[in-house]
PDB file of N, CA and C in Angstrom:
ATOM      1  N   GLY A   1      11.320   6.353  -6.526  1.00  0.00           N
ATOM      2  CA  GLY A   1      11.403   5.678  -7.789  1.00  0.00           C
ATOM      3  C   GLY A   1      10.649   4.368  -7.793  1.00  0.00           C
ATOM      4  N   LYS A   2      10.922   3.489  -6.829  1.00  0.00           N
ATOM      5  CA  LYS A   2      10.294   2.160  -6.856  1.00  0.00           C
ATOM      6  C   LYS A   2       8.797   2.244  -6.615  1.00  0.00           C
ATOM      7  N   VAL A   3       8.400   3.099  -5.686  1.00  0.00           N
ATOM      8  CA  VAL A   3       6.970   3.246  -5.393  1.00  0.00           C
ATOM      9  C   VAL A   3       6.258   3.849  -6.593  1.00  0.00           C
ATOM     10  N   GLU A   4       6.849   4.890  -7.159  1.00  0.00           N
ATOM     11  CA  GLU A   4       6.237   5.530  -8.313  1.00  0.00           C
ATOM     12  C   GLU A   4       6.142   4.561  -9.484  1.00  0.00           C
ATOM     13  N   ARG A   5       7.171   3.761  -9.689  1.00  0.00           N
ATOM     14  CA  ARG A   5       7.170   2.795 -10.789  1.00  0.00           C
ATOM     15  C   ARG A   5       6.065   1.763 -10.589  1.00  0.00           C
ATOM     16  N   PHE A   6       5.907   1.288  -9.351  1.00  0.00           N
ATOM     17  CA  PHE A   6       4.839   0.325  -9.085  1.00  0.00           C
ATOM     18  C   PHE A   6       3.476   0.955  -9.328  1.00  0.00           C
ATOM     19  N   ASN A   7       3.303   2.196  -8.852  1.00  0.00           N
ATOM     20  CA  ASN A   7       2.018   2.871  -9.058  1.00  0.00           C
ATOM     21  C   ASN A   7       1.707   3.022 -10.541  1.00  0.00           C
ATOM     22  N   ARG A   8       2.725   3.344 -11.347  1.00  0.00           N
ATOM     23  CA  ARG A   8       2.521   3.460 -12.791  1.00  0.00           C
ATOM     24  C   ARG A   8       2.155   2.106 -13.398  1.00  0.00           C
ATOM     25  N   TYR A   9       2.848   1.053 -12.970  1.00  0.00           N
ATOM     26  CA  TYR A   9       2.540  -0.290 -13.464  1.00  0.00           C
ATOM     27  C   TYR A   9       1.111  -0.683 -13.111  1.00  0.00           C
ATOM     28  N   LEU A  10       0.721  -0.435 -11.871  1.00  0.00           N
ATOM     29  CA  LEU A  10      -0.636  -0.767 -11.434  1.00  0.00           C
ATOM     30  C   LEU A  10      -1.667  -0.002 -12.241  1.00  0.00           C
ATOM     31  N   LYS A  11      -1.413   1.283 -12.470  1.00  0.00           N
ATOM     32  CA  LYS A  11      -2.355   2.101 -13.231  1.00  0.00           C
ATOM     33  C   LYS A  11      -2.462   1.623 -14.677  1.00  0.00           C
ATOM     34  N   GLU A  12      -1.300   1.424 -15.320  1.00  0.00           N
ATOM     35  CA  GLU A  12      -1.304   1.063 -16.743  1.00  0.00           C
ATOM     36  C   GLU A  12      -1.769  -0.363 -16.996  1.00  0.00           C
ATOM     37  N   SER A  13      -1.482  -1.258 -16.066  1.00  0.00           N
ATOM     38  CA  SER A  13      -1.781  -2.665 -16.299  1.00  0.00           C
ATOM     39  C   SER A  13      -3.088  -3.131 -15.670  1.00  0.00           C
ATOM     40  N   PHE A  14      -3.563  -2.436 -14.642  1.00  0.00           N
ATOM     41  CA  PHE A  14      -4.777  -2.879 -13.963  1.00  0.00           C
ATOM     42  C   PHE A  14      -5.907  -1.847 -14.038  1.00  0.00           C
ATOM     43  N   ILE A  15      -5.656  -0.646 -13.538  1.00  0.00           N
ATOM     44  CA  ILE A  15      -6.733   0.338 -13.404  1.00  0.00           C
ATOM     45  C   ILE A  15      -7.258   0.798 -14.756  1.00  0.00           C
ATOM     46  N   THR A  16      -6.361   1.183 -15.662  1.00  0.00           N
ATOM     47  CA  THR A  16      -6.814   1.692 -16.965  1.00  0.00           C
ATOM     48  C   THR A  16      -7.571   0.633 -17.766  1.00  0.00           C
ATOM     49  N   PRO A  17      -7.046  -0.603 -17.909  1.00  0.00           N
ATOM     50  CA  PRO A  17      -7.829  -1.611 -18.637  1.00  0.00           C
ATOM     51  C   PRO A  17      -9.170  -1.935 -17.982  1.00  0.00           C
ATOM     52  N   LEU A  18      -9.190  -2.001 -16.646  1.00  0.00           N
ATOM     53  CA  LEU A  18     -10.449  -2.298 -15.957  1.00  0.00           C
ATOM     54  C   LEU A  18     -11.445  -1.157 -16.140  1.00  0.00           C
ATOM     55  N   THR A  19     -10.987   0.069 -16.000  1.00  0.00           N
ATOM     56  CA  THR A  19     -11.861   1.228 -16.200  1.00  0.00           C
ATOM     57  C   THR A  19     -12.431   1.241 -17.611  1.00  0.00           C
ATOM     58  N   THR A  20     -11.595   0.941 -18.587  1.00  0.00           N
ATOM     59  CA  THR A  20     -12.039   0.919 -19.985  1.00  0.00           C
ATOM     60  C   THR A  20     -13.095  -0.150 -20.215  1.00  0.00           C
ATOM     61  N   SER A  21     -12.869  -1.354 -19.702  1.00  0.00           N
ATOM     62  CA  SER A  21     -13.851  -2.419 -19.912  1.00  0.00           C
ATOM     63  C   SER A  21     -15.158  -2.126 -19.182  1.00  0.00           C
ATOM     64  N   LEU A  22     -15.081  -1.520 -18.007  1.00  0.00           N
ATOM     65  CA  LEU A  22     -16.300  -1.158 -17.287  1.00  0.00           C
ATOM     66  C   LEU A  22     -17.064  -0.060 -18.010  1.00  0.00           C
ATOM     67  N   ARG A  23     -16.328   0.904 -18.532  1.00  0.00           N
ATOM     68  CA  ARG A  23     -16.959   2.019 -19.244  1.00  0.00           C
ATOM     69  C   ARG A  23     -17.719   1.503 -20.469  1.00  0.00           C
ATOM     70  N   GLN A  24     -17.162   0.505 -21.157  1.00  0.00           N
ATOM     71  CA  GLN A  24     -17.842  -0.068 -22.322  1.00  0.00           C
ATOM     72  C   GLN A  24     -19.162  -0.720 -21.929  1.00  0.00           C
ATOM     73  N   ALA A  25     -19.222  -1.193 -20.686  1.00  0.00           N
ATOM     74  CA  ALA A  25     -20.461  -1.802 -20.197  1.00  0.00           C
ATOM     75  C   ALA A  25     -21.363  -0.776 -19.517  1.00  0.00           C
ATOM     76  N   GLY A  26     -20.974   0.514 -19.551  1.00  0.00           N
ATOM     77  CA  GLY A  26     -21.779   1.562 -18.949  1.00  0.00           C
ATOM     78  C   GLY A  26     -21.626   1.648 -17.443  1.00  0.00           C
ATOM     79  N   LEU A  27     -20.525   1.122 -16.897  1.00  0.00           N
ATOM     80  CA  LEU A  27     -20.289   1.113 -15.455  1.00  0.00           C
ATOM     81  C   LEU A  27     -19.094   2.002 -15.114  1.00  0.00           C
ATOM     82  N   THR A  28     -18.965   2.334 -13.843  1.00  0.00           N
ATOM     83  CA  THR A  28     -17.807   3.100 -13.391  1.00  0.00           C
ATOM     84  C   THR A  28     -17.020   2.277 -12.391  1.00  0.00           C
ATOM     85  N   LEU A  29     -15.761   2.585 -12.272  1.00  0.00           N
ATOM     86  CA  LEU A  29     -14.883   1.884 -11.348  1.00  0.00           C
ATOM     87  C   LEU A  29     -15.141   2.365  -9.926  1.00  0.00           C
ATOM     88  N   THR A  30     -15.409   1.430  -9.048  1.00  0.00           N
ATOM     89  CA  THR A  30     -15.594   1.737  -7.626  1.00  0.00           C
ATOM     90  C   THR A  30     -14.562   0.943  -6.837  1.00  0.00           C
ATOM     91  N   GLU A  31     -14.422   1.281  -5.580  1.00  0.00           N
ATOM     92  CA  GLU A  31     -13.490   0.559  -4.718  1.00  0.00           C
ATOM     93  C   GLU A  31     -13.871  -0.917  -4.631  1.00  0.00           C
ATOM     94  N   ALA A  32     -15.149  -1.211  -4.501  1.00  0.00           N
ATOM     95  CA  ALA A  32     -15.606  -2.594  -4.402  1.00  0.00           C
ATOM     96  C   ALA A  32     -15.300  -3.368  -5.688  1.00  0.00           C
ATOM     97  N   THR A  33     -15.519  -2.730  -6.832  1.00  0.00           N
ATOM     98  CA  THR A  33     -15.233  -3.386  -8.115  1.00  0.00           C
ATOM     99  C   THR A  33     -13.740  -3.653  -8.250  1.00  0.00           C
ATOM    100  N   ALA A  34     -12.921  -2.669  -7.913  1.00  0.00           N
ATOM    101  CA  ALA A  34     -11.468  -2.849  -7.994  1.00  0.00           C
ATOM    102  C   ALA A  34     -11.024  -3.975  -7.072  1.00  0.00           C
ATOM    103  N   ASN A  35     -11.549  -4.013  -5.843  1.00  0.00           N
ATOM    104  CA  ASN A  35     -11.191  -5.072  -4.901  1.00  0.00           C
ATOM    105  C   ASN A  35     -11.604  -6.446  -5.414  1.00  0.00           C
ATOM    106  N   ALA A  36     -12.733  -6.517  -6.117  1.00  0.00           N
ATOM    107  CA  ALA A  36     -13.199  -7.798  -6.655  1.00  0.00           C
ATOM    108  C   ALA A  36     -12.316  -8.289  -7.800  1.00  0.00           C
ATOM    109  N   HIS A  37     -11.690  -7.373  -8.528  1.00  0.00           N
ATOM    110  CA  HIS A  37     -10.885  -7.748  -9.687  1.00  0.00           C
ATOM    111  C   HIS A  37      -9.393  -7.855  -9.409  1.00  0.00           C
ATOM    112  N   ILE A  38      -8.919  -7.325  -8.283  1.00  0.00           N
ATOM    113  CA  ILE A  38      -7.477  -7.272  -8.054  1.00  0.00           C
ATOM    114  C   ILE A  38      -6.871  -8.661  -7.802  1.00  0.00           C
ATOM    115  N   GLY A  39      -7.563  -9.522  -7.096  1.00  0.00           N
ATOM    116  CA  GLY A  39      -7.034 -10.866  -6.814  1.00  0.00           C
ATOM    117  C   GLY A  39      -6.736 -11.653  -8.075  1.00  0.00           C
ATOM    118  N   PRO A  40      -7.719 -11.803  -8.958  1.00  0.00           N
ATOM    119  CA  PRO A  40      -7.441 -12.517 -10.209  1.00  0.00           C
ATOM    120  C   PRO A  40      -6.360 -11.828 -11.047  1.00  0.00           C
ATOM    121  N   TRP A  41      -6.331 -10.497 -11.047  1.00  0.00           N
ATOM    122  CA  TRP A  41      -5.301  -9.785 -11.815  1.00  0.00           C
ATOM    123  C   TRP A  41      -3.914 -10.113 -11.279  1.00  0.00           C
ATOM    124  N   ILE A  42      -3.766 -10.142  -9.964  1.00  0.00           N
ATOM    125  CA  ILE A  42      -2.462 -10.468  -9.377  1.00  0.00           C
ATOM    126  C   ILE A  42      -2.037 -11.869  -9.793  1.00  0.00           C
ATOM    127  N   LEU A  43      -2.957 -12.830  -9.697  1.00  0.00           N
ATOM    128  CA  LEU A  43      -2.624 -14.213 -10.034  1.00  0.00           C
ATOM    129  C   LEU A  43      -2.361 -14.416 -11.521  1.00  0.00           C
ATOM    130  N   GLU A  44      -3.171 -13.797 -12.370  1.00  0.00           N
ATOM    131  CA  GLU A  44      -3.105 -14.060 -13.801  1.00  0.00           C
ATOM    132  C   GLU A  44      -2.187 -13.129 -14.576  1.00  0.00           C
ATOM    133  N   VAL A  45      -1.951 -11.921 -14.068  1.00  0.00           N
ATOM    134  CA  VAL A  45      -1.152 -10.943 -14.815  1.00  0.00           C
ATOM    135  C   VAL A  45       0.127 -10.591 -14.072  1.00  0.00           C
ATOM    136  N   ALA A  46      -0.027  -9.956 -12.909  1.00  0.00           N
ATOM    137  CA  ALA A  46       1.138  -9.402 -12.205  1.00  0.00           C
ATOM    138  C   ALA A  46       2.155 -10.472 -11.831  1.00  0.00           C
ATOM    139  N   ASN A  47       1.710 -11.581 -11.295  1.00  0.00           N
ATOM    140  CA  ASN A  47       2.652 -12.606 -10.862  1.00  0.00           C
ATOM    141  C   ASN A  47       3.078 -13.555 -11.979  1.00  0.00           C
ATOM    142  N   GLN A  48       2.578 -13.349 -13.200  1.00  0.00           N
ATOM    143  CA  GLN A  48       2.955 -14.196 -14.334  1.00  0.00           C
ATOM    144  C   GLN A  48       3.891 -13.487 -15.307  1.00  0.00           C
ATOM    145  N   ARG A  49       4.098 -12.183 -15.120  1.00  0.00           N
ATOM    146  CA  ARG A  49       4.988 -11.450 -16.019  1.00  0.00           C
ATOM    147  C   ARG A  49       6.435 -11.775 -15.675  1.00  0.00           C
ATOM    148  N   ILE A  50       7.339 -11.487 -16.573  1.00  0.00           N
ATOM    149  CA  ILE A  50       8.760 -11.617 -16.280  1.00  0.00           C
ATOM    150  C   ILE A  50       9.200 -10.327 -15.594  1.00  0.00           C
ATOM    151  N   HIS A  51       9.635 -10.432 -14.366  1.00  0.00           N
ATOM    152  CA  HIS A  51      10.043  -9.275 -13.577  1.00  0.00           C
ATOM    153  C   HIS A  51      11.330  -8.700 -14.143  1.00  0.00           C
ATOM    154  N   ALA A  52      11.390  -7.392 -14.281  1.00  0.00           N
ATOM    155  CA  ALA A  52      12.522  -6.734 -14.919  1.00  0.00           C
ATOM    156  C   ALA A  52      13.828  -6.898 -14.149  1.00  0.00           C
ATOM    157  N   THR A  53      13.777  -7.000 -12.838  1.00  0.00           N
ATOM    158  CA  THR A  53      15.001  -7.121 -12.038  1.00  0.00           C
ATOM    159  C   THR A  53      15.467  -8.559 -11.919  1.00  0.00           C
ATOM    160  N   THR A  54      14.551  -9.460 -11.594  1.00  0.00           N
ATOM    161  CA  THR A  54      14.927 -10.860 -11.360  1.00  0.00           C
ATOM    162  C   THR A  54      14.918 -11.698 -12.634  1.00  0.00           C
ATOM    163  N   LEU A  55      14.244 -11.184 -13.670  1.00  0.00           N
ATOM    164  CA  LEU A  55      14.065 -11.914 -14.932  1.00  0.00           C
ATOM    165  C   LEU A  55      13.366 -13.250 -14.719  1.00  0.00           C
ATOM    166  N   GLU A  56      12.510 -13.291 -13.716  1.00  0.00           N
ATOM    167  CA  GLU A  56      11.724 -14.483 -13.405  1.00  0.00           C
ATOM    168  C   GLU A  56      10.279 -14.084 -13.145  1.00  0.00           C
ATOM    169  N   LYS A  57       9.381 -15.073 -13.240  1.00  0.00           N
ATOM    170  CA  LYS A  57       7.987 -14.825 -12.882  1.00  0.00           C
ATOM    171  C   LYS A  57       7.888 -14.786 -11.357  1.00  0.00           C
ATOM    172  N   PRO A  58       7.260 -13.747 -10.801  1.00  0.00           N
ATOM    173  CA  PRO A  58       7.133 -13.660  -9.338  1.00  0.00           C
ATOM    174  C   PRO A  58       6.468 -14.881  -8.714  1.00  0.00           C
ATOM    175  N   ALA A  59       5.489 -15.475  -9.369  1.00  0.00           N
ATOM    176  CA  ALA A  59       4.802 -16.639  -8.805  1.00  0.00           C
ATOM    177  C   ALA A  59       5.763 -17.817  -8.655  1.00  0.00           C
ATOM    178  N   ILE A  60       6.627 -18.013  -9.636  1.00  0.00           N
ATOM    179  CA  ILE A  60       7.594 -19.118  -9.577  1.00  0.00           C
ATOM    180  C   ILE A  60       8.653 -18.818  -8.524  1.00  0.00           C
ATOM    181  N   ARG A  61       9.128 -17.582  -8.492  1.00  0.00           N
ATOM    182  CA  ARG A  61      10.143 -17.190  -7.514  1.00  0.00           C
ATOM    183  C   ARG A  61       9.616 -17.353  -6.093  1.00  0.00           C
ATOM    184  N   LEU A  62       8.355 -17.001  -5.865  1.00  0.00           N
ATOM    185  CA  LEU A  62       7.759 -17.147  -4.544  1.00  0.00           C
ATOM    186  C   LEU A  62       7.749 -18.608  -4.119  1.00  0.00           C
ATOM    187  N   GLU A  63       7.343 -19.499  -5.002  1.00  0.00           N
ATOM    188  CA  GLU A  63       7.295 -20.917  -4.653  1.00  0.00           C
ATOM    189  C   GLU A  63       8.684 -21.468  -4.346  1.00  0.00           C
ATOM    190  N   GLU A  64       9.696 -21.008  -5.080  1.00  0.00           N
ATOM    191  CA  GLU A  64      11.057 -21.456  -4.814  1.00  0.00           C
ATOM    192  C   GLU A  64      11.553 -20.961  -3.463  1.00  0.00           C
ATOM    193  N   GLU A  65      11.190 -19.739  -3.094  1.00  0.00           N
ATOM    194  CA  GLU A  65      11.667 -19.152  -1.849  1.00  0.00           C
ATOM    195  C   GLU A  65      10.817 -19.525  -0.640  1.00  0.00           C
ATOM    196  N   ARG A  66       9.614 -20.014  -0.876  1.00  0.00           N
ATOM    197  CA  ARG A  66       8.692 -20.332   0.222  1.00  0.00           C
ATOM    198  C   ARG A  66       9.300 -21.343   1.198  1.00  0.00           C
ATOM    199  N   VAL A  67      10.125 -22.267   0.721  1.00  0.00           N
ATOM    200  CA  VAL A  67      10.719 -23.282   1.595  1.00  0.00           C
ATOM    201  C   VAL A  67      11.704 -22.662   2.589  1.00  0.00           C
ATOM    202  N   GLN A  68      12.196 -21.457   2.300  1.00  0.00           N
ATOM    203  CA  GLN A  68      13.147 -20.795   3.190  1.00  0.00           C
ATOM    204  C   GLN A  68      12.464 -19.890   4.213  1.00  0.00           C
ATOM    205  N   PHE A  69      11.175 -19.666   4.054  1.00  0.00           N
ATOM    206  CA  PHE A  69      10.454 -18.801   4.984  1.00  0.00           C
ATOM    207  C   PHE A  69      10.347 -19.471   6.348  1.00  0.00           C
ATOM    208  N   LEU A  70      10.458 -18.672   7.375  1.00  0.00           N
ATOM    209  CA  LEU A  70      10.259 -19.169   8.721  1.00  0.00           C
ATOM    210  C   LEU A  70       8.770 -19.119   9.041  1.00  0.00           C
ATOM    211  N   PRO A  71       8.308 -20.023   9.897  1.00  0.00           N
ATOM    212  CA  PRO A  71       6.884 -19.966  10.257  1.00  0.00           C
ATOM    213  C   PRO A  71       6.598 -18.710  11.063  1.00  0.00           C
ATOM    214  N   LEU A  72       5.379 -18.239  10.981  1.00  0.00           N
ATOM    215  CA  LEU A  72       4.964 -17.080  11.771  1.00  0.00           C
ATOM    216  C   LEU A  72       4.999 -17.454  13.246  1.00  0.00           C
ATOM    217  N   PRO A  73       5.401 -16.538  14.091  1.00  0.00           N
ATOM    218  CA  PRO A  73       5.448 -16.857  15.527  1.00  0.00           C
ATOM    219  C   PRO A  73       4.043 -17.070  16.067  1.00  0.00           C
ATOM    220  N   THR A  74       3.958 -17.975  17.028  1.00  0.00           N
ATOM    221  CA  THR A  74       2.668 -18.200  17.678  1.00  0.00           C
ATOM    222  C   THR A  74       2.590 -17.277  18.881  1.00  0.00           C
ATOM    223  N   SER A  75       1.412 -16.877  19.211  1.00  0.00           N
ATOM    224  CA  SER A  75       1.228 -15.972  20.335  1.00  0.00           C
ATOM    225  C   SER A  75       1.385 -16.752  21.626  1.00  0.00           C
ATOM    226  N   GLU A  76       2.225 -16.231  22.523  1.00  0.00           N
ATOM    227  CA  GLU A  76       2.406 -16.862  23.823  1.00  0.00           C
ATOM    228  C   GLU A  76       1.717 -16.055  24.917  1.00  0.00           C
ATOM    229  N   LEU A  77       0.924 -15.064  24.519  1.00  0.00           N
ATOM    230  CA  LEU A  77       0.194 -14.257  25.484  1.00  0.00           C
ATOM    231  C   LEU A  77      -1.124 -14.944  25.826  1.00  0.00           C
ATOM    232  N   PRO A  78      -1.557 -14.825  27.074  1.00  0.00           N
ATOM    233  CA  PRO A  78      -2.904 -15.326  27.385  1.00  0.00           C
ATOM    234  C   PRO A  78      -3.927 -14.609  26.512  1.00  0.00           C
ATOM    235  N   SER A  79      -4.978 -15.286  26.174  1.00  0.00           N
ATOM    236  CA  SER A  79      -5.959 -14.721  25.247  1.00  0.00           C
ATOM    237  C   SER A  79      -6.560 -13.420  25.765  1.00  0.00           C
ATOM    238  N   SER A  80      -6.691 -13.251  27.089  1.00  0.00           N
ATOM    239  CA  SER A  80      -7.266 -12.018  27.624  1.00  0.00           C
ATOM    240  C   SER A  80      -6.345 -10.833  27.348  1.00  0.00           C
ATOM    241  N   ILE A  81      -5.026 -11.020  27.480  1.00  0.00           N
ATOM    242  CA  ILE A  81      -4.068  -9.947  27.197  1.00  0.00           C
ATOM    243  C   ILE A  81      -4.041  -9.674  25.699  1.00  0.00           C
ATOM    244  N   GLU A  82      -4.028 -10.735  24.912  1.00  0.00           N
ATOM    245  CA  GLU A  82      -4.030 -10.575  23.455  1.00  0.00           C
ATOM    246  C   GLU A  82      -5.266  -9.808  23.006  1.00  0.00           C
ATOM    247  N   HIS A  83      -6.416 -10.129  23.586  1.00  0.00           N
ATOM    248  CA  HIS A  83      -7.661  -9.441  23.236  1.00  0.00           C
ATOM    249  C   HIS A  83      -7.573  -7.951  23.617  1.00  0.00           C
ATOM    250  N   ALA A  84      -7.008  -7.677  24.788  1.00  0.00           N
ATOM    251  CA  ALA A  84      -6.882  -6.286  25.231  1.00  0.00           C
ATOM    252  C   ALA A  84      -5.971  -5.506  24.292  1.00  0.00           C
ATOM    253  N   LEU A  85      -4.865  -6.106  23.887  1.00  0.00           N
ATOM    254  CA  LEU A  85      -3.956  -5.432  22.964  1.00  0.00           C
ATOM    255  C   LEU A  85      -4.617  -5.199  21.618  1.00  0.00           C
ATOM    256  N   TYR A  86      -5.344  -6.199  21.132  1.00  0.00           N
ATOM    257  CA  TYR A  86      -6.024  -6.081  19.847  1.00  0.00           C
ATOM    258  C   TYR A  86      -7.098  -5.006  19.911  1.00  0.00           C
ATOM    259  N   SER A  87      -7.857  -4.971  21.007  1.00  0.00           N
ATOM    260  CA  SER A  87      -8.910  -3.962  21.157  1.00  0.00           C
ATOM    261  C   SER A  87      -8.320  -2.566  21.192  1.00  0.00           C
ATOM    262  N   LYS A  88      -7.177  -2.412  21.886  1.00  0.00           N
ATOM    263  CA  LYS A  88      -6.550  -1.101  21.957  1.00  0.00           C
ATOM    264  C   LYS A  88      -6.067  -0.669  20.579  1.00  0.00           C
ATOM    265  N   ALA A  89      -5.581  -1.623  19.778  1.00  0.00           N
ATOM    266  CA  ALA A  89      -5.092  -1.293  18.440  1.00  0.00           C
ATOM    267  C   ALA A  89      -6.230  -0.801  17.550  1.00  0.00           C
ATOM    268  N   LEU A  90      -7.454  -1.223  17.844  1.00  0.00           N
ATOM    269  CA  LEU A  90      -8.596  -0.823  17.030  1.00  0.00           C
ATOM    270  C   LEU A  90      -9.212   0.493  17.483  1.00  0.00           C
ATOM    271  N   THR A  91      -8.754   1.029  18.616  1.00  0.00           N
ATOM    272  CA  THR A  91      -9.278   2.294  19.107  1.00  0.00           C
ATOM    273  C   THR A  91      -8.906   3.402  18.139  1.00  0.00           C
ATOM    274  N   PRO A  92      -9.848   4.250  17.758  1.00  0.00           N
ATOM    275  CA  PRO A  92      -9.518   5.329  16.820  1.00  0.00           C
ATOM    276  C   PRO A  92      -8.427   6.229  17.377  1.00  0.00           C
ATOM    277  N   MET A  93      -7.530   6.624  16.503  1.00  0.00           N
ATOM    278  CA  MET A  93      -6.454   7.514  16.909  1.00  0.00           C
ATOM    279  C   MET A  93      -6.982   8.936  17.031  1.00  0.00           C
ATOM    280  N   ILE A  94      -6.390   9.680  17.958  1.00  0.00           N
ATOM    281  CA  ILE A  94      -6.751  11.086  18.123  1.00  0.00           C
ATOM    282  C   ILE A  94      -6.057  11.863  17.010  1.00  0.00           C
ATOM    283  N   ALA A  95      -6.792  12.700  16.341  1.00  0.00           N
ATOM    284  CA  ALA A  95      -6.231  13.470  15.237  1.00  0.00           C
ATOM    285  C   ALA A  95      -5.185  14.446  15.767  1.00  0.00           C
ATOM    286  N   PRO A  96      -4.074  14.587  15.032  1.00  0.00           N
ATOM    287  CA  PRO A  96      -3.057  15.547  15.468  1.00  0.00           C
ATOM    288  C   PRO A  96      -3.604  16.968  15.349  1.00  0.00           C
ATOM    289  N   PRO A  97      -3.009  17.892  16.078  1.00  0.00           N
ATOM    290  CA  PRO A  97      -3.499  19.268  15.987  1.00  0.00           C
ATOM    291  C   PRO A  97      -3.340  19.806  14.567  1.00  0.00           C
ATOM    292  N   ALA A  98      -4.239  20.702  14.206  1.00  0.00           N
ATOM    293  CA  ALA A  98      -4.227  21.239  12.844  1.00  0.00           C
ATOM    294  C   ALA A  98      -3.051  22.169  12.610  1.00  0.00           C
ATOM    295  N   GLU A  99      -2.457  22.675  13.674  1.00  0.00           N
ATOM    296  CA  GLU A  99      -1.325  23.584  13.503  1.00  0.00           C
ATOM    297  C   GLU A  99      -0.115  22.824  12.988  1.00  0.00           C
ATOM    298  N   GLY A 100       0.706  23.486  12.233  1.00  0.00           N
ATOM    299  CA  GLY A 100       1.882  22.848  11.675  1.00  0.00           C
ATOM    300  C   GLY A 100       3.040  22.865  12.645  1.00  0.00           C
ATOM    301  N   PHE A 101       4.112  22.189  12.281  1.00  0.00           N
ATOM    302  CA  PHE A 101       5.297  22.147  13.109  1.00  0.00           C
ATOM    303  C   PHE A 101       6.285  23.249  12.724  1.00  0.00           C
ATOM    304  N   GLN A 102       5.965  23.993  11.712  1.00  0.00           N
ATOM    305  CA  GLN A 102       6.836  25.058  11.245  1.00  0.00           C
ATOM    306  C   GLN A 102       6.543  26.340  12.028  1.00  0.00           C
ATOM    307  N   HIS A 103       7.597  27.096  12.309  1.00  0.00           N
ATOM    308  CA  HIS A 103       7.428  28.372  13.009  1.00  0.00           C
ATOM    309  C   HIS A 103       6.855  29.401  12.042  1.00  0.00           C
ATOM    310  N   PRO A 104       6.251  30.470  12.583  1.00  0.00           N
ATOM    311  CA  PRO A 104       5.811  31.565  11.713  1.00  0.00           C
ATOM    312  C   PRO A 104       7.028  32.166  11.002  1.00  0.00           C
ATOM    313  N   LEU A 105       6.819  32.719   9.830  1.00  0.00           N
ATOM    314  CA  LEU A 105       7.918  33.270   9.038  1.00  0.00           C
ATOM    315  C   LEU A 105       8.666  34.374   9.779  1.00  0.00           C
ATOM    316  N   SER A 106       7.990  35.080  10.677  1.00  0.00           N
ATOM    317  CA  SER A 106       8.655  36.148  11.430  1.00  0.00           C
ATOM    318  C   SER A 106       9.803  35.600  12.276  1.00  0.00           C
ATOM    319  N   VAL A 107       9.700  34.375  12.763  1.00  0.00           N
ATOM    320  CA  VAL A 107      10.783  33.765  13.540  1.00  0.00           C
ATOM    321  C   VAL A 107      12.008  33.590  12.674  1.00  0.00           C
ATOM    322  N   TYR A 108      11.823  33.137  11.453  1.00  0.00           N
ATOM    323  CA  TYR A 108      12.959  32.947  10.547  1.00  0.00           C
ATOM    324  C   TYR A 108      13.556  34.298  10.150  1.00  0.00           C
ATOM    325  N   ASP A 109      12.729  35.305  10.007  1.00  0.00           N
ATOM    326  CA  ASP A 109      13.227  36.650   9.708  1.00  0.00           C
ATOM    327  C   ASP A 109      14.146  37.131  10.818  1.00  0.00           C
ATOM    328  N   GLN A 110      13.759  36.894  12.065  1.00  0.00           N
ATOM    329  CA  GLN A 110      14.587  37.309  13.207  1.00  0.00           C
ATOM    330  C   GLN A 110      15.913  36.560  13.233  1.00  0.00           C
ATOM    331  N   LEU A 111      15.896  35.302  12.858  1.00  0.00           N
ATOM    332  CA  LEU A 111      17.125  34.500  12.870  1.00  0.00           C
ATOM    333  C   LEU A 111      18.146  34.982  11.851  1.00  0.00           C
ATOM    334  N   VAL A 112      17.692  35.423  10.675  1.00  0.00           N
ATOM    335  CA  VAL A 112      18.634  35.853   9.640  1.00  0.00           C
ATOM    336  C   VAL A 112      18.852  37.358   9.660  1.00  0.00           C
ATOM    337  N   GLY A 113      18.268  38.053  10.607  1.00  0.00           N
ATOM    338  CA  GLY A 113      18.517  39.472  10.760  1.00  0.00           C
ATOM    339  C   GLY A 113      17.725  40.361   9.847  1.00  0.00           C
ATOM    340  N   GLY A 114      16.530  40.037   9.560  1.00  0.00           N
ATOM    341  CA  GLY A 114      15.683  40.889   8.732  1.00  0.00           C
ATOM    342  C   GLY A 114      14.907  40.077   7.725  1.00  0.00           C
ATOM    343  N   SER A 115      14.073  40.748   6.982  1.00  0.00           N
ATOM    344  CA  SER A 115      13.259  40.025   6.000  1.00  0.00           C
ATOM    345  C   SER A 115      14.050  39.781   4.741  1.00  0.00           C
ATOM    346  N   LEU A 116      13.692  38.704   4.059  1.00  0.00           N
ATOM    347  CA  LEU A 116      14.384  38.338   2.806  1.00  0.00           C
ATOM    348  C   LEU A 116      13.613  38.790   1.613  1.00  0.00           C
TER     349      LEU A 116
END
């Protein structure tokens, strides 16, 4: 529900209006164009609306709550270890096997004593 609602809000309030304005100029929406426009949209539209749950503007609520945030932890690892961990995190992941985790239907047939 919450994810779907956000996706609908993003589509109706950001993507559709941007696509429409670009189309009027003879342009199409690309990832780069969307990325260039999302920052100002967040500041000027999304964070300035009255949020349905809190009944407050997200930008104002963030500033009020910012004083309660804890600082981000500082790294106490030597830079060589930190670099090694960071490099490993950037290593491409091995793709999982294409086979599924589900058994063939014949296995389920045997479990229930025949075909359904």
